[in-house]
PDB file of N, CA and C in Angstrom:
ATOM      1  N   MET A   1      60.953  88.285 183.887  1.00  0.00           N
ATOM      2  CA  MET A   1      59.361  87.568 184.328  1.00  0.00           C
ATOM      3  C   MET A   1      58.061  87.616 183.394  1.00  0.00           C
ATOM      4  N   ILE A   2      57.766  86.316 183.262  1.00  0.00           N
ATOM      5  CA  ILE A   2      56.105  86.529 182.655  1.00  0.00           C
ATOM      6  C   ILE A   2      55.066  86.037 183.624  1.00  0.00           C
ATOM      7  N   GLN A   3      54.428  87.070 184.175  1.00  0.00           N
ATOM      8  CA  GLN A   3      53.163  86.897 184.875  1.00  0.00           C
ATOM      9  C   GLN A   3      51.881  85.721 184.222  1.00  0.00           C
ATOM     10  N   ARG A   4      51.874  84.549 185.105  1.00  0.00           N
ATOM     11  CA  ARG A   4      50.662  83.894 184.252  1.00  0.00           C
ATOM     12  C   ARG A   4      49.450  83.789 185.872  1.00  0.00           C
ATOM     13  N   PHE A   5      48.565  83.331 185.980  1.00  0.00           N
ATOM     14  CA  PHE A   5      47.431  82.922 186.821  1.00  0.00           C
ATOM     15  C   PHE A   5      47.205  81.118 186.391  1.00  0.00           C
ATOM     16  N   ALA A   6      47.054  80.285 187.713  1.00  0.00           N
ATOM     17  CA  ALA A   6      46.789  79.217 188.008  1.00  0.00           C
ATOM     18  C   ALA A   6      45.260  79.295 187.480  1.00  0.00           C
ATOM     19  N   LYS A   7      45.323  78.444 186.933  1.00  0.00           N
ATOM     20  CA  LYS A   7      44.140  77.932 186.163  1.00  0.00           C
ATOM     21  C   LYS A   7      42.944  77.249 187.265  1.00  0.00           C
ATOM     22  N   GLU A   8      43.584  76.154 188.032  1.00  0.00           N
ATOM     23  CA  GLU A   8      42.984  75.302 189.071  1.00  0.00           C
ATOM     24  C   GLU A   8      44.139  74.879 190.374  1.00  0.00           C
ATOM     25  N   ASP A   9      43.363  74.668 191.243  1.00  0.00           N
ATOM     26  CA  ASP A   9      44.581  74.099 192.694  1.00  0.00           C
ATOM     27  C   ASP A   9      45.590  73.214 192.172  1.00  0.00           C
ATOM     28  N   VAL A  10      46.553  73.226 192.275  1.00  0.00           N
ATOM     29  CA  VAL A  10      47.680  72.551 191.856  1.00  0.00           C
ATOM     30  C   VAL A  10      48.813  72.379 193.032  1.00  0.00           C
ATOM     31  N   THR A  11      49.716  71.266 193.076  1.00  0.00           N
ATOM     32  CA  THR A  11      50.960  71.170 193.900  1.00  0.00           C
ATOM     33  C   THR A  11      51.798  70.676 192.778  1.00  0.00           C
ATOM     34  N   TYR A  12      52.829  71.679 192.942  1.00  0.00           N
ATOM     35  CA  TYR A  12      53.972  71.732 192.266  1.00  0.00           C
ATOM     36  C   TYR A  12      54.922  71.320 193.231  1.00  0.00           C
ATOM     37  N   GLN A  13      55.949  70.551 192.810  1.00  0.00           N
ATOM     38  CA  GLN A  13      56.895  69.920 193.822  1.00  0.00           C
ATOM     39  C   GLN A  13      57.127  70.332 195.159  1.00  0.00           C
ATOM     40  N   GLY A  14      55.831  70.521 195.610  1.00  0.00           N
ATOM     41  CA  GLY A  14      55.331  70.171 197.033  1.00  0.00           C
ATOM     42  C   GLY A  14      54.674  71.878 197.396  1.00  0.00           C
ATOM     43  N   LEU A  15      54.846  72.501 196.794  1.00  0.00           N
ATOM     44  CA  LEU A  15      54.414  73.831 196.718  1.00  0.00           C
ATOM     45  C   LEU A  15      52.759  73.726 196.340  1.00  0.00           C
ATOM     46  N   ASN A  16      52.084  74.260 197.481  1.00  0.00           N
ATOM     47  CA  ASN A  16      50.789  74.458 197.233  1.00  0.00           C
ATOM     48  C   ASN A  16      50.101  75.483 196.163  1.00  0.00           C
ATOM     49  N   ILE A  17      49.400  75.918 194.953  1.00  0.00           N
ATOM     50  CA  ILE A  17      49.402  76.769 194.511  1.00  0.00           C
ATOM     51  C   ILE A  17      47.696  77.221 194.003  1.00  0.00           C
ATOM     52  N   ALA A  18      46.773  77.886 194.651  1.00  0.00           N
ATOM     53  CA  ALA A  18      45.331  78.461 194.646  1.00  0.00           C
ATOM     54  C   ALA A  18      45.246  78.674 193.224  1.00  0.00           C
ATOM     55  N   GLU A  19      43.980  78.711 193.003  1.00  0.00           N
ATOM     56  CA  GLU A  19      43.449  78.649 191.770  1.00  0.00           C
ATOM     57  C   GLU A  19      43.648  80.220 191.331  1.00  0.00           C
ATOM     58  N   CYS A  20      44.022  81.049 190.502  1.00  0.00           N
ATOM     59  CA  CYS A  20      43.870  82.205 190.243  1.00  0.00           C
ATOM     60  C   CYS A  20      44.848  82.952 191.125  1.00  0.00           C
ATOM     61  N   SER A  21      45.594  82.183 191.727  1.00  0.00           N
ATOM     62  CA  SER A  21      47.022  83.002 192.186  1.00  0.00           C
ATOM     63  C   SER A  21      47.899  83.250 191.143  1.00  0.00           C
ATOM     64  N   PRO A  22      48.766  84.411 191.251  1.00  0.00           N
ATOM     65  CA  PRO A  22      49.744  84.318 190.453  1.00  0.00           C
ATOM     66  C   PRO A  22      50.985  83.981 190.630  1.00  0.00           C
ATOM     67  N   VAL A  23      51.607  83.340 189.075  1.00  0.00           N
ATOM     68  CA  VAL A  23      52.293  82.402 188.901  1.00  0.00           C
ATOM     69  C   VAL A  23      53.962  83.306 188.235  1.00  0.00           C
ATOM     70  N   PHE A  24      54.838  83.402 188.879  1.00  0.00           N
ATOM     71  CA  PHE A  24      55.956  84.094 187.456  1.00  0.00           C
ATOM     72  C   PHE A  24      56.850  83.454 187.534  1.00  0.00           C
ATOM     73  N   CYS A  25      57.407  83.481 186.008  1.00  0.00           N
ATOM     74  CA  CYS A  25      57.878  82.348 185.476  1.00  0.00           C
ATOM     75  C   CYS A  25      58.987  83.114 184.852  1.00  0.00           C
ATOM     76  N   SER A  26      60.455  82.856 184.360  1.00  0.00           N
ATOM     77  CA  SER A  26      61.469  83.211 184.816  1.00  0.00           C
ATOM     78  C   SER A  26      62.131  82.848 182.834  1.00  0.00           C
ATOM     79  N   VAL A  27      61.853  84.164 182.205  1.00  0.00           N
ATOM     80  CA  VAL A  27      62.532  83.792 180.640  1.00  0.00           C
ATOM     81  C   VAL A  27      64.308  83.857 180.659  1.00  0.00           C
ATOM     82  N   ALA A  28      64.940  83.981 181.688  1.00  0.00           N
ATOM     83  CA  ALA A  28      66.073  83.829 181.470  1.00  0.00           C
ATOM     84  C   ALA A  28      66.631  82.238 181.722  1.00  0.00           C
ATOM     85  N   SER A  29      65.561  81.044 182.320  1.00  0.00           N
ATOM     86  CA  SER A  29      65.604  80.078 182.640  1.00  0.00           C
ATOM     87  C   SER A  29      65.347  79.288 181.445  1.00  0.00           C
ATOM     88  N   ALA A  30      64.867  79.926 180.272  1.00  0.00           N
ATOM     89  CA  ALA A  30      64.370  79.269 178.983  1.00  0.00           C
ATOM     90  C   ALA A  30      65.416  78.572 178.866  1.00  0.00           C
ATOM     91  N   GLY A  31      65.342  77.222 178.126  1.00  0.00           N
ATOM     92  CA  GLY A  31      66.627  76.794 177.543  1.00  0.00           C
ATOM     93  C   GLY A  31      67.224  76.011 178.307  1.00  0.00           C
ATOM     94  N   HIS A  32      66.967  76.215 180.205  1.00  0.00           N
ATOM     95  CA  HIS A  32      68.368  75.359 180.849  1.00  0.00           C
ATOM     96  C   HIS A  32      67.861  74.529 181.705  1.00  0.00           C
ATOM     97  N   ALA A  33      66.848  73.526 181.472  1.00  0.00           N
ATOM     98  CA  ALA A  33      66.281  72.322 181.903  1.00  0.00           C
ATOM     99  C   ALA A  33      67.071  71.335 181.804  1.00  0.00           C
ATOM    100  N   PRO A  34      67.572  70.822 182.830  1.00  0.00           N
ATOM    101  CA  PRO A  34      69.148  69.900 182.579  1.00  0.00           C
ATOM    102  C   PRO A  34      68.385  68.600 182.270  1.00  0.00           C
ATOM    103  N   LEU A  35      66.999  67.853 181.976  1.00  0.00           N
ATOM    104  CA  LEU A  35      66.829  67.071 181.406  1.00  0.00           C
ATOM    105  C   LEU A  35      66.999  67.164 179.896  1.00  0.00           C
ATOM    106  N   ILE A  36      66.699  68.080 179.607  1.00  0.00           N
ATOM    107  CA  ILE A  36      66.565  68.366 178.478  1.00  0.00           C
ATOM    108  C   ILE A  36      67.644  69.540 177.366  1.00  0.00           C
ATOM    109  N   MET A  37      68.465  70.003 178.226  1.00  0.00           N
ATOM    110  CA  MET A  37      70.122  70.431 178.101  1.00  0.00           C
ATOM    111  C   MET A  37      70.547  70.398 179.015  1.00  0.00           C
ATOM    112  N   PRO A  38      71.195  69.579 178.515  1.00  0.00           N
ATOM    113  CA  PRO A  38      72.785  68.899 179.885  1.00  0.00           C
ATOM    114  C   PRO A  38      73.951  69.934 179.708  1.00  0.00           C
ATOM    115  N   LYS A  39      73.885  70.929 178.939  1.00  0.00           N
ATOM    116  CA  LYS A  39      74.647  71.807 178.469  1.00  0.00           C
ATOM    117  C   LYS A  39      74.171  73.424 178.274  1.00  0.00           C
ATOM    118  N   PRO A  40      73.216  74.016 179.067  1.00  0.00           N
ATOM    119  CA  PRO A  40      72.711  74.892 178.921  1.00  0.00           C
ATOM    120  C   PRO A  40      74.000  75.907 178.245  1.00  0.00           C
ATOM    121  N   ALA A  41      74.567  76.549 178.942  1.00  0.00           N
ATOM    122  CA  ALA A  41      75.931  77.502 178.465  1.00  0.00           C
ATOM    123  C   ALA A  41      76.811  77.173 177.177  1.00  0.00           C
ATOM    124  N   HIS A  42      76.786  75.980 176.524  1.00  0.00           N
ATOM    125  CA  HIS A  42      77.462  75.594 175.540  1.00  0.00           C
ATOM    126  C   HIS A  42      76.621  75.612 174.484  1.00  0.00           C
ATOM    127  N   PHE A  43      77.181  76.663 173.563  1.00  0.00           N
ATOM    128  CA  PHE A  43      76.513  76.947 172.077  1.00  0.00           C
ATOM    129  C   PHE A  43      77.047  76.233 171.290  1.00  0.00           C
ATOM    130  N   ASP A  44      75.826  74.900 170.376  1.00  0.00           N
ATOM    131  CA  ASP A  44      76.217  73.809 169.534  1.00  0.00           C
ATOM    132  C   ASP A  44      75.012  73.704 168.548  1.00  0.00           C
ATOM    133  N   LEU A  45      75.037  74.682 167.573  1.00  0.00           N
ATOM    134  CA  LEU A  45      73.754  74.081 166.535  1.00  0.00           C
ATOM    135  C   LEU A  45      73.743  72.820 166.303  1.00  0.00           C
ATOM    136  N   ARG A  46      74.539  72.027 166.472  1.00  0.00           N
ATOM    137  CA  ARG A  46      74.229  70.638 166.021  1.00  0.00           C
ATOM    138  C   ARG A  46      73.708  69.769 167.093  1.00  0.00           C
ATOM    139  N   ALA A  47      73.626  70.158 168.371  1.00  0.00           N
ATOM    140  CA  ALA A  47      73.003  69.685 169.809  1.00  0.00           C
ATOM    141  C   ALA A  47      71.898  69.387 169.309  1.00  0.00           C
ATOM    142  N   PRO A  48      71.338  67.790 169.520  1.00  0.00           N
ATOM    143  CA  PRO A  48      70.103  67.124 169.795  1.00  0.00           C
ATOM    144  C   PRO A  48      69.015  67.915 170.808  1.00  0.00           C
ATOM    145  N   ARG A  49      68.124  68.227 169.725  1.00  0.00           N
ATOM    146  CA  ARG A  49      66.868  69.469 170.594  1.00  0.00           C
ATOM    147  C   ARG A  49      65.898  68.502 170.746  1.00  0.00           C
ATOM    148  N   PRO A  50      65.581  67.379 171.871  1.00  0.00           N
ATOM    149  CA  PRO A  50      64.297  66.666 172.307  1.00  0.00           C
ATOM    150  C   PRO A  50      63.368  66.974 171.978  1.00  0.00           C
ATOM    151  N   ALA A  51      63.213  68.656 172.606  1.00  0.00           N
ATOM    152  CA  ALA A  51      61.708  69.447 173.148  1.00  0.00           C
ATOM    153  C   ALA A  51      61.844  70.244 171.903  1.00  0.00           C
ATOM    154  N   LYS A  52      60.276  70.301 171.962  1.00  0.00           N
ATOM    155  CA  LYS A  52      59.707  71.462 170.987  1.00  0.00           C
ATOM    156  C   LYS A  52      60.250  72.886 171.106  1.00  0.00           C
ATOM    157  N   GLN A  53      60.451  73.209 169.605  1.00  0.00           N
ATOM    158  CA  GLN A  53      60.971  74.581 169.842  1.00  0.00           C
ATOM    159  C   GLN A  53      59.707  75.339 170.196  1.00  0.00           C
ATOM    160  N   LEU A  54      60.255  76.277 171.142  1.00  0.00           N
ATOM    161  CA  LEU A  54      59.317  77.305 171.158  1.00  0.00           C
ATOM    162  C   LEU A  54      59.196  78.388 171.588  1.00  0.00           C
ATOM    163  N   VAL A  55      60.166  78.878 170.796  1.00  0.00           N
ATOM    164  CA  VAL A  55      60.995  80.441 170.145  1.00  0.00           C
ATOM    165  C   VAL A  55      60.126  80.870 170.035  1.00  0.00           C
ATOM    166  N   PHE A  56      59.404  80.638 168.437  1.00  0.00           N
ATOM    167  CA  PHE A  56      58.547  81.195 167.875  1.00  0.00           C
ATOM    168  C   PHE A  56      56.941  81.269 167.831  1.00  0.00           C
ATOM    169  N   GLY A  57      56.815  81.058 169.406  1.00  0.00           N
ATOM    170  CA  GLY A  57      55.508  80.634 170.028  1.00  0.00           C
ATOM    171  C   GLY A  57      54.778  81.994 169.926  1.00  0.00           C
ATOM    172  N   GLY A  58      54.118  82.258 170.858  1.00  0.00           N
ATOM    173  CA  GLY A  58      53.339  83.486 171.129  1.00  0.00           C
ATOM    174  C   GLY A  58      53.587  84.403 172.329  1.00  0.00           C
ATOM    175  N   GLY A  59      53.158  85.889 172.514  1.00  0.00           N
ATOM    176  CA  GLY A  59      53.510  86.796 173.193  1.00  0.00           C
ATOM    177  C   GLY A  59      54.423  87.187 172.597  1.00  0.00           C
ATOM    178  N   ILE A  60      55.047  88.393 173.106  1.00  0.00           N
ATOM    179  CA  ILE A  60      55.754  89.154 172.758  1.00  0.00           C
ATOM    180  C   ILE A  60      57.073  88.670 171.903  1.00  0.00           C
ATOM    181  N   HIS A  61      57.568  87.212 172.117  1.00  0.00           N
ATOM    182  CA  HIS A  61      58.802  86.908 171.734  1.00  0.00           C
ATOM    183  C   HIS A  61      58.256  86.020 170.598  1.00  0.00           C
ATOM    184  N   HIS A  62      57.501  86.103 170.249  1.00  0.00           N
ATOM    185  CA  HIS A  62      57.052  85.615 168.832  1.00  0.00           C
ATOM    186  C   HIS A  62      57.516  85.389 167.228  1.00  0.00           C
ATOM    187  N   CYS A  63      58.580  86.367 167.221  1.00  0.00           N
ATOM    188  CA  CYS A  63      59.137  86.367 166.065  1.00  0.00           C
ATOM    189  C   CYS A  63      60.878  87.541 166.115  1.00  0.00           C
ATOM    190  N   PRO A  64      61.610  86.477 165.965  1.00  0.00           N
ATOM    191  CA  PRO A  64      62.971  87.554 165.634  1.00  0.00           C
ATOM    192  C   PRO A  64      62.781  88.984 164.512  1.00  0.00           C
ATOM    193  N   GLY A  65      61.575  88.802 164.084  1.00  0.00           N
ATOM    194  CA  GLY A  65      61.870  90.170 162.901  1.00  0.00           C
ATOM    195  C   GLY A  65      60.461  90.813 163.439  1.00  0.00           C
ATOM    196  N   ALA A  66      60.055  90.908 164.701  1.00  0.00           N
ATOM    197  CA  ALA A  66      58.768  91.649 164.665  1.00  0.00           C
ATOM    198  C   ALA A  66      59.430  93.170 165.094  1.00  0.00           C
ATOM    199  N   ALA A  67      60.654  93.274 165.748  1.00  0.00           N
ATOM    200  CA  ALA A  67      61.030  94.543 166.122  1.00  0.00           C
ATOM    201  C   ALA A  67      61.668  95.623 164.646  1.00  0.00           C
ATOM    202  N   LEU A  68      62.187  94.873 163.920  1.00  0.00           N
ATOM    203  CA  LEU A  68      62.115  95.373 162.277  1.00  0.00           C
ATOM    204  C   LEU A  68      60.597  95.575 162.102  1.00  0.00           C
ATOM    205  N   GLY A  69      59.950  95.175 161.961  1.00  0.00           N
ATOM    206  CA  GLY A  69      58.485  95.555 161.267  1.00  0.00           C
ATOM    207  C   GLY A  69      58.014  96.773 162.649  1.00  0.00           C
ATOM    208  N   ARG A  70      58.049  97.079 163.306  1.00  0.00           N
ATOM    209  CA  ARG A  70      57.787  97.638 164.200  1.00  0.00           C
ATOM    210  C   ARG A  70      58.412  99.087 163.921  1.00  0.00           C
ATOM    211  N   LEU A  71      59.478  99.064 163.986  1.00  0.00           N
ATOM    212  CA  LEU A  71      60.978  99.380 163.717  1.00  0.00           C
ATOM    213  C   LEU A  71      60.157 100.534 162.160  1.00  0.00           C
ATOM    214  N   GLU A  72      59.958  99.695 160.969  1.00  0.00           N
ATOM    215  CA  GLU A  72      59.426 100.086 159.796  1.00  0.00           C
ATOM    216  C   GLU A  72      58.170 100.487 159.702  1.00  0.00           C
ATOM    217  N   ILE A  73      56.975 100.215 160.514  1.00  0.00           N
ATOM    218  CA  ILE A  73      55.917 101.210 160.443  1.00  0.00           C
ATOM    219  C   ILE A  73      56.575 102.393 161.375  1.00  0.00           C
ATOM    220  N   SER A  74      57.128 102.474 162.295  1.00  0.00           N
ATOM    221  CA  SER A  74      57.325 103.887 162.706  1.00  0.00           C
ATOM    222  C   SER A  74      57.675 105.020 162.001  1.00  0.00           C
ATOM    223  N   GLU A  75      58.950 104.177 160.666  1.00  0.00           N
ATOM    224  CA  GLU A  75      59.438 105.360 160.190  1.00  0.00           C
ATOM    225  C   GLU A  75      58.271 105.237 158.675  1.00  0.00           C
ATOM    226  N   ALA A  76      57.449 105.048 158.507  1.00  0.00           N
ATOM    227  CA  ALA A  76      56.550 104.985 157.793  1.00  0.00           C
ATOM    228  C   ALA A  76      55.384 106.174 158.345  1.00  0.00           C
ATOM    229  N   LEU A  77      55.370 105.898 159.525  1.00  0.00           N
ATOM    230  CA  LEU A  77      54.136 106.915 159.876  1.00  0.00           C
ATOM    231  C   LEU A  77      54.640 108.063 160.209  1.00  0.00           C
ATOM    232  N   THR A  78      56.140 108.298 160.667  1.00  0.00           N
ATOM    233  CA  THR A  78      56.777 109.636 160.834  1.00  0.00           C
ATOM    234  C   THR A  78      56.894 110.301 159.102  1.00  0.00           C
ATOM    235  N   ALA A  79      57.749 109.317 158.247  1.00  0.00           N
ATOM    236  CA  ALA A  79      57.317 110.187 157.223  1.00  0.00           C
ATOM    237  C   ALA A  79      55.774 110.412 157.030  1.00  0.00           C
ATOM    238  N   ARG A  80      55.107 110.148 157.060  1.00  0.00           N
ATOM    239  CA  ARG A  80      53.669 110.620 156.588  1.00  0.00           C
ATOM    240  C   ARG A  80      52.994 111.615 157.658  1.00  0.00           C
ATOM    241  N   PHE A  81      53.223 110.971 158.733  1.00  0.00           N
ATOM    242  CA  PHE A  81      52.740 112.164 159.373  1.00  0.00           C
ATOM    243  C   PHE A  81      53.473 113.232 159.990  1.00  0.00           C
ATOM    244  N   GLY A  82      55.062 113.082 160.247  1.00  0.00           N
ATOM    245  CA  GLY A  82      56.106 113.905 161.154  1.00  0.00           C
ATOM    246  C   GLY A  82      55.875 113.019 162.517  1.00  0.00           C
ATOM    247  N   PRO A  83      56.410 113.538 163.944  1.00  0.00           N
ATOM    248  CA  PRO A  83      56.608 112.727 164.571  1.00  0.00           C
ATOM    249  C   PRO A  83      55.311 112.794 165.244  1.00  0.00           C
ATOM    250  N   PRO A  84      54.717 111.418 166.348  1.00  0.00           N
ATOM    251  CA  PRO A  84      53.932 111.836 166.874  1.00  0.00           C
ATOM    252  C   PRO A  84      54.033 112.675 168.280  1.00  0.00           C
ATOM    253  N   ALA A  85      52.453 113.224 168.698  1.00  0.00           N
ATOM    254  CA  ALA A  85      52.519 114.024 169.994  1.00  0.00           C
ATOM    255  C   ALA A  85      51.939 113.273 170.841  1.00  0.00           C
ATOM    256  N   LEU A  86      52.217 113.044 171.984  1.00  0.00           N
ATOM    257  CA  LEU A  86      51.788 112.877 173.308  1.00  0.00           C
ATOM    258  C   LEU A  86      50.581 113.299 174.182  1.00  0.00           C
ATOM    259  N   SER A  87      49.302 112.599 173.497  1.00  0.00           N
ATOM    260  CA  SER A  87      48.103 113.490 173.727  1.00  0.00           C
ATOM    261  C   SER A  87      47.224 112.920 175.138  1.00  0.00           C
ATOM    262  N   GLY A  88      48.183 112.124 175.910  1.00  0.00           N
ATOM    263  CA  GLY A  88      47.200 111.730 177.110  1.00  0.00           C
ATOM    264  C   GLY A  88      48.115 111.022 178.135  1.00  0.00           C
ATOM    265  N   THR A  89      47.392 110.131 178.818  1.00  0.00           N
ATOM    266  CA  THR A  89      49.128 109.605 179.866  1.00  0.00           C
ATOM    267  C   THR A  89      48.742 108.397 179.423  1.00  0.00           C
ATOM    268  N   PRO A  90      49.796 107.620 179.698  1.00  0.00           N
ATOM    269  CA  PRO A  90      49.883 106.726 179.096  1.00  0.00           C
ATOM    270  C   PRO A  90      49.358 105.278 180.389  1.00  0.00           C
ATOM    271  N   THR A  91      48.368 104.350 179.794  1.00  0.00           N
ATOM    272  CA  THR A  91      48.007 103.158 181.201  1.00  0.00           C
ATOM    273  C   THR A  91      49.247 102.240 180.902  1.00  0.00           C
ATOM    274  N   TRP A  92      49.515 101.890 182.332  1.00  0.00           N
ATOM    275  CA  TRP A  92      50.272 100.399 182.171  1.00  0.00           C
ATOM    276  C   TRP A  92      49.527  99.242 183.144  1.00  0.00           C
ATOM    277  N   PRO A  93      49.585  97.647 182.702  1.00  0.00           N
ATOM    278  CA  PRO A  93      48.803  96.675 183.186  1.00  0.00           C
ATOM    279  C   PRO A  93      49.596  96.805 184.679  1.00  0.00           C
ATOM    280  N   PRO A  94      48.911  96.393 185.755  1.00  0.00           N
ATOM    281  CA  PRO A  94      48.710  96.326 187.101  1.00  0.00           C
ATOM    282  C   PRO A  94      50.750  95.675 187.756  1.00  0.00           C
ATOM    283  N   LEU A  95      51.135  94.775 186.869  1.00  0.00           N
ATOM    284  CA  LEU A  95      52.375  94.639 187.097  1.00  0.00           C
ATOM    285  C   LEU A  95      52.850  94.247 185.327  1.00  0.00           C
ATOM    286  N   ALA A  96      53.716  95.126 185.267  1.00  0.00           N
ATOM    287  CA  ALA A  96      54.218  95.345 183.735  1.00  0.00           C
ATOM    288  C   ALA A  96      55.715  95.623 184.293  1.00  0.00           C
ATOM    289  N   VAL A  97      56.045  94.044 183.501  1.00  0.00           N
ATOM    290  CA  VAL A  97      57.376  93.335 184.076  1.00  0.00           C
ATOM    291  C   VAL A  97      57.969  93.645 182.485  1.00  0.00           C
ATOM    292  N   ILE A  98      57.683  92.801 181.700  1.00  0.00           N
ATOM    293  CA  ILE A  98      58.426  92.689 180.596  1.00  0.00           C
ATOM    294  C   ILE A  98      57.400  93.493 179.261  1.00  0.00           C
ATOM    295  N   HIS A  99      56.192  93.435 179.466  1.00  0.00           N
ATOM    296  CA  HIS A  99      55.465  94.283 178.612  1.00  0.00           C
ATOM    297  C   HIS A  99      55.329  95.560 178.708  1.00  0.00           C
ATOM    298  N   GLY A 100      55.277  96.457 177.325  1.00  0.00           N
ATOM    299  CA  GLY A 100      54.902  97.464 177.872  1.00  0.00           C
ATOM    300  C   GLY A 100      53.739  98.305 178.021  1.00  0.00           C
ATOM    301  N   PRO A 101      53.296  99.423 177.588  1.00  0.00           N
ATOM    302  CA  PRO A 101      51.524  99.993 178.636  1.00  0.00           C
ATOM    303  C   PRO A 101      50.910  99.373 177.884  1.00  0.00           C
ATOM    304  N   ASP A 102      49.632  99.439 178.136  1.00  0.00           N
ATOM    305  CA  ASP A 102      48.278  99.202 177.588  1.00  0.00           C
ATOM    306  C   ASP A 102      47.874  99.966 176.660  1.00  0.00           C
ATOM    307  N   SER A 103      48.324 101.331 176.725  1.00  0.00           N
ATOM    308  CA  SER A 103      47.770 102.132 175.700  1.00  0.00           C
ATOM    309  C   SER A 103      48.974 103.637 175.765  1.00  0.00           C
ATOM    310  N   VAL A 104      48.821 103.844 174.553  1.00  0.00           N
ATOM    311  CA  VAL A 104      49.538 105.376 174.787  1.00  0.00           C
ATOM    312  C   VAL A 104      48.829 106.269 173.556  1.00  0.00           C
ATOM    313  N   PRO A 105      48.332 107.083 174.575  1.00  0.00           N
ATOM    314  CA  PRO A 105      47.561 107.977 173.857  1.00  0.00           C
ATOM    315  C   PRO A 105      48.716 108.775 172.641  1.00  0.00           C
ATOM    316  N   ALA A 106      48.088 109.276 171.448  1.00  0.00           N
ATOM    317  CA  ALA A 106      49.025 109.650 170.468  1.00  0.00           C
ATOM    318  C   ALA A 106      48.123 110.460 169.405  1.00  0.00           C
ATOM    319  N   LEU A 107      48.597 111.527 169.275  1.00  0.00           N
ATOM    320  CA  LEU A 107      47.902 112.610 168.272  1.00  0.00           C
ATOM    321  C   LEU A 107      49.139 112.782 166.885  1.00  0.00           C
ATOM    322  N   PHE A 108      48.603 112.173 165.993  1.00  0.00           N
ATOM    323  CA  PHE A 108      49.638 112.508 164.379  1.00  0.00           C
ATOM    324  C   PHE A 108      48.835 113.713 163.819  1.00  0.00           C
ATOM    325  N   THR A 109      49.603 114.152 162.961  1.00  0.00           N
ATOM    326  CA  THR A 109      49.298 115.766 162.276  1.00  0.00           C
ATOM    327  C   THR A 109      49.713 114.950 160.453  1.00  0.00           C
ATOM    328  N   PRO A 110      48.998 115.032 159.828  1.00  0.00           N
ATOM    329  CA  PRO A 110      49.585 115.002 158.522  1.00  0.00           C
ATOM    330  C   PRO A 110      50.116 115.587 158.223  1.00  0.00           C
ATOM    331  N   ARG A 111      51.251 115.553 157.314  1.00  0.00           N
ATOM    332  CA  ARG A 111      51.986 116.693 156.586  1.00  0.00           C
ATOM    333  C   ARG A 111      51.495 116.701 155.159  1.00  0.00           C
ATOM    334  N   SER A 112      51.287 118.013 154.778  1.00  0.00           N
ATOM    335  CA  SER A 112      50.801 118.478 153.151  1.00  0.00           C
ATOM    336  C   SER A 112      52.020 118.014 152.173  1.00  0.00           C
ATOM    337  N   HIS A 113      51.083 117.393 150.989  1.00  0.00           N
ATOM    338  CA  HIS A 113      52.085 116.717 150.096  1.00  0.00           C
ATOM    339  C   HIS A 113      51.764 117.429 149.032  1.00  0.00           C
ATOM    340  N   PRO A 114      53.092 118.318 147.951  1.00  0.00           N
ATOM    341  CA  PRO A 114      52.604 119.166 146.377  1.00  0.00           C
ATOM    342  C   PRO A 114      51.632 118.436 146.307  1.00  0.00           C
TER     343      PRO A 114
END
């Protein structure tokens, strides 16, 4: 689920949504609009894609290589400084559905090099 807030009062399919109200969107429903993807459960790379591709958009799902990048920087930091130690209490956003913590205080101790 992804949480957003309505920018203005709006009525969508008979439902009134007030300005600043939270709106939750299911990530699992992505690519399942019947007018755009008539067979969403059928995997076909050659199927026409009438809608603009949003997979590489913003947010946490912006790039399939992002997880590899995080792993590489984690390995580099651990090789240089050793494993980090938690130095405080992690803080979380009010409604953490997909996203992680706001902050994770960590302490790195440099390793001595010959």
